Amino acid sequence: NMTGGTIDISSWVVEGLGTGPTPNITINPSSSIPPNGFFLIANYPSTSANSILGIDPDQTTASVSLDNDGEQLKI
């Protein structure tokens, strides 16, 4: 969010981010991006041995899957 205001992203859908026949991830209700901030979706929380981020994601889901050869995501 490159603005000075909070952006409400409650229940937005990111198409093509997940796995399965309908690879969509729905953002949790009551979610927002703070001014000049970001919203991070990850497979694991920062406390997981599998996490390489070292920061807490705003939303975790084991369904995140990105292709190595290119990806098109829609919000």
N, C-alpha and C. Protein backbone atom coordinates (compact mmCIF):
# COMPACT_ATOMS: atom_id res chain seq x y z
N ASN A 1 0.85 -1.17 0.00
CA ASN A 1 0.00 0.00 0.00
C ASN A 1 0.90 1.23 0.00
N MET A 2 0.91 1.94 -1.07
CA MET A 2 1.77 3.11 -1.20
C MET A 2 1.01 4.41 -0.93
N THR A 3 -0.10 4.29 -0.18
CA THR A 3 -0.89 5.47 0.14
C THR A 3 -0.77 5.79 1.62
N GLY A 4 -1.36 6.89 2.03
CA GLY A 4 -1.37 7.29 3.42
C GLY A 4 -2.58 6.77 4.19
N GLY A 5 -3.42 5.99 3.53
CA GLY A 5 -4.62 5.46 4.18
C GLY A 5 -4.62 3.95 4.24
N THR A 6 -5.41 3.41 5.14
CA THR A 6 -5.57 1.97 5.27
C THR A 6 -6.47 1.45 4.16
N ILE A 7 -6.12 0.30 3.59
CA ILE A 7 -6.93 -0.32 2.54
C ILE A 7 -7.56 -1.60 3.09
N ASP A 8 -8.88 -1.65 3.09
CA ASP A 8 -9.62 -2.82 3.56
C ASP A 8 -9.61 -3.88 2.46
N ILE A 9 -9.04 -5.04 2.76
CA ILE A 9 -8.99 -6.14 1.78
C ILE A 9 -9.78 -7.35 2.29
N SER A 10 -10.70 -7.13 3.20
CA SER A 10 -11.50 -8.22 3.78
C SER A 10 -12.16 -9.05 2.70
N SER A 11 -11.92 -10.34 2.75
CA SER A 11 -12.55 -11.32 1.86
C SER A 11 -12.23 -11.14 0.39
N TRP A 12 -11.17 -10.39 0.06
CA TRP A 12 -10.72 -10.34 -1.32
C TRP A 12 -10.25 -11.74 -1.71
N VAL A 13 -10.23 -12.03 -2.99
CA VAL A 13 -9.78 -13.33 -3.48
C VAL A 13 -8.57 -13.13 -4.38
N VAL A 14 -7.51 -13.91 -4.13
CA VAL A 14 -6.34 -13.93 -5.01
C VAL A 14 -6.47 -15.17 -5.88
N GLU A 15 -6.73 -14.96 -7.17
CA GLU A 15 -6.94 -16.07 -8.10
C GLU A 15 -5.59 -16.59 -8.59
N GLY A 16 -5.44 -17.90 -8.59
CA GLY A 16 -4.25 -18.54 -9.12
C GLY A 16 -3.11 -18.70 -8.12
N LEU A 17 -3.35 -18.41 -6.86
CA LEU A 17 -2.30 -18.50 -5.85
C LEU A 17 -2.25 -19.85 -5.17
N GLY A 18 -3.36 -20.56 -5.16
CA GLY A 18 -3.43 -21.82 -4.42
C GLY A 18 -3.30 -23.05 -5.28
N THR A 19 -3.55 -24.19 -4.66
CA THR A 19 -3.49 -25.47 -5.35
C THR A 19 -4.90 -26.02 -5.52
N GLY A 20 -5.02 -27.07 -6.31
CA GLY A 20 -6.30 -27.73 -6.48
C GLY A 20 -7.04 -27.26 -7.71
N PRO A 21 -8.27 -27.77 -7.91
CA PRO A 21 -9.05 -27.43 -9.10
C PRO A 21 -9.49 -25.97 -9.13
N THR A 22 -9.63 -25.35 -7.99
CA THR A 22 -9.95 -23.92 -7.91
C THR A 22 -8.85 -23.25 -7.09
N PRO A 23 -7.79 -22.81 -7.75
CA PRO A 23 -6.61 -22.32 -7.02
C PRO A 23 -6.74 -20.89 -6.51
N ASN A 24 -7.76 -20.64 -5.73
CA ASN A 24 -7.99 -19.30 -5.20
C ASN A 24 -7.79 -19.26 -3.70
N ILE A 25 -7.24 -18.18 -3.20
CA ILE A 25 -7.06 -17.96 -1.77
C ILE A 25 -7.91 -16.75 -1.38
N THR A 26 -8.80 -16.93 -0.40
CA THR A 26 -9.62 -15.83 0.08
C THR A 26 -8.94 -15.21 1.29
N ILE A 27 -8.79 -13.89 1.25
CA ILE A 27 -8.18 -13.15 2.36
C ILE A 27 -9.13 -13.22 3.56
N ASN A 28 -8.55 -13.35 4.74
CA ASN A 28 -9.35 -13.43 5.96
C ASN A 28 -10.24 -12.20 6.13
N PRO A 29 -11.44 -12.38 6.74
CA PRO A 29 -12.28 -11.23 7.05
C PRO A 29 -11.54 -10.28 8.01
N SER A 30 -11.88 -9.03 7.96
CA SER A 30 -11.29 -7.98 8.81
C SER A 30 -9.80 -7.79 8.55
N SER A 31 -9.36 -8.03 7.32
CA SER A 31 -7.96 -7.83 6.95
C SER A 31 -7.80 -6.48 6.27
N SER A 32 -6.66 -5.86 6.50
CA SER A 32 -6.38 -4.58 5.86
C SER A 32 -4.87 -4.42 5.67
N ILE A 33 -4.51 -3.48 4.80
CA ILE A 33 -3.11 -3.13 4.58
C ILE A 33 -2.92 -1.75 5.18
N PRO A 34 -1.99 -1.60 6.14
CA PRO A 34 -1.78 -0.30 6.76
C PRO A 34 -1.13 0.69 5.79
N PRO A 35 -1.22 1.99 6.08
CA PRO A 35 -0.58 2.98 5.23
C PRO A 35 0.91 2.66 5.04
N ASN A 36 1.36 2.71 3.80
CA ASN A 36 2.76 2.42 3.45
C ASN A 36 3.21 1.07 3.95
N GLY A 37 2.28 0.10 4.04
CA GLY A 37 2.59 -1.23 4.55
C GLY A 37 2.32 -2.29 3.51
N PHE A 38 2.27 -3.52 3.98
CA PHE A 38 2.05 -4.65 3.09
C PHE A 38 1.24 -5.72 3.79
N PHE A 39 0.78 -6.71 3.03
CA PHE A 39 0.03 -7.85 3.55
C PHE A 39 0.71 -9.09 3.01
N LEU A 40 1.20 -9.94 3.88
CA LEU A 40 1.98 -11.10 3.49
C LEU A 40 1.18 -12.39 3.70
N ILE A 41 1.08 -13.20 2.64
CA ILE A 41 0.46 -14.52 2.71
C ILE A 41 1.58 -15.54 2.56
N ALA A 42 1.64 -16.52 3.46
CA ALA A 42 2.70 -17.53 3.42
C ALA A 42 2.15 -18.89 3.81
N ASN A 43 2.90 -19.92 3.46
CA ASN A 43 2.51 -21.29 3.83
C ASN A 43 2.70 -21.56 5.31
N TYR A 44 3.67 -20.93 5.93
CA TYR A 44 4.03 -21.26 7.31
C TYR A 44 4.16 -20.00 8.17
N PRO A 45 3.82 -20.09 9.46
CA PRO A 45 4.07 -18.98 10.37
C PRO A 45 5.58 -18.87 10.64
N SER A 46 6.02 -17.75 11.14
CA SER A 46 7.45 -17.55 11.39
C SER A 46 8.00 -18.51 12.42
N THR A 47 7.15 -19.09 13.25
CA THR A 47 7.59 -20.03 14.29
C THR A 47 7.81 -21.44 13.75
N SER A 48 7.43 -21.70 12.52
CA SER A 48 7.57 -23.03 11.93
C SER A 48 9.02 -23.29 11.51
N ALA A 49 9.45 -24.52 11.63
CA ALA A 49 10.79 -24.91 11.18
C ALA A 49 10.92 -24.75 9.66
N ASN A 50 9.80 -24.75 8.95
CA ASN A 50 9.80 -24.61 7.49
C ASN A 50 9.85 -23.16 7.02
N SER A 51 9.68 -22.21 7.92
CA SER A 51 9.65 -20.81 7.55
C SER A 51 11.06 -20.29 7.26
N ILE A 52 11.18 -19.55 6.17
CA ILE A 52 12.46 -18.92 5.83
C ILE A 52 12.35 -17.40 5.89
N LEU A 53 11.19 -16.90 6.29
CA LEU A 53 10.94 -15.47 6.26
C LEU A 53 11.52 -14.71 7.44
N GLY A 54 11.37 -15.25 8.63
CA GLY A 54 11.81 -14.55 9.82
C GLY A 54 10.88 -13.44 10.26
N ILE A 55 9.73 -13.30 9.59
CA ILE A 55 8.71 -12.32 9.99
C ILE A 55 7.36 -13.03 10.01
N ASP A 56 6.43 -12.48 10.75
CA ASP A 56 5.10 -13.08 10.84
C ASP A 56 4.26 -12.69 9.63
N PRO A 57 3.73 -13.69 8.89
CA PRO A 57 2.81 -13.36 7.80
C PRO A 57 1.47 -12.89 8.36
N ASP A 58 0.73 -12.14 7.57
CA ASP A 58 -0.60 -11.69 7.97
C ASP A 58 -1.63 -12.80 7.84
N GLN A 59 -1.35 -13.74 6.95
CA GLN A 59 -2.25 -14.88 6.76
C GLN A 59 -1.41 -16.09 6.37
N THR A 60 -1.74 -17.23 6.97
CA THR A 60 -1.05 -18.47 6.60
C THR A 60 -2.06 -19.45 6.03
N THR A 61 -1.62 -20.19 5.03
CA THR A 61 -2.43 -21.23 4.42
C THR A 61 -1.49 -22.21 3.74
N ALA A 62 -1.74 -23.48 3.90
CA ALA A 62 -0.90 -24.50 3.26
C ALA A 62 -1.21 -24.63 1.78
N SER A 63 -2.13 -23.83 1.27
CA SER A 63 -2.54 -23.93 -0.13
C SER A 63 -1.74 -23.06 -1.09
N VAL A 64 -0.82 -22.22 -0.59
CA VAL A 64 -0.06 -21.36 -1.48
C VAL A 64 0.87 -22.20 -2.35
N SER A 65 0.81 -21.95 -3.66
CA SER A 65 1.67 -22.66 -4.59
C SER A 65 1.95 -21.75 -5.79
N LEU A 66 3.22 -21.43 -6.01
CA LEU A 66 3.61 -20.60 -7.15
C LEU A 66 4.44 -21.43 -8.12
N ASP A 67 4.23 -21.19 -9.42
CA ASP A 67 5.01 -21.87 -10.45
C ASP A 67 6.38 -21.22 -10.57
N ASN A 68 7.39 -22.01 -10.89
CA ASN A 68 8.73 -21.48 -11.09
C ASN A 68 8.91 -20.85 -12.47
N ASP A 69 8.06 -21.20 -13.42
CA ASP A 69 8.23 -20.71 -14.80
C ASP A 69 7.27 -19.59 -15.17
N GLY A 70 6.75 -18.89 -14.20
CA GLY A 70 5.86 -17.77 -14.48
C GLY A 70 4.52 -17.97 -13.82
N GLU A 71 3.91 -16.89 -13.46
CA GLU A 71 2.66 -16.96 -12.71
C GLU A 71 1.86 -15.69 -13.00
N GLN A 72 0.55 -15.85 -13.12
CA GLN A 72 -0.32 -14.70 -13.24
C GLN A 72 -1.33 -14.77 -12.10
N LEU A 73 -1.28 -13.79 -11.23
CA LEU A 73 -2.21 -13.72 -10.11
C LEU A 73 -3.18 -12.57 -10.36
N LYS A 74 -4.43 -12.76 -9.95
CA LYS A 74 -5.45 -11.72 -10.07
C LYS A 74 -6.06 -11.50 -8.71
N ILE A 75 -6.31 -10.24 -8.36
CA ILE A 75 -6.96 -9.91 -7.10
C ILE A 75 -8.37 -9.46 -7.39
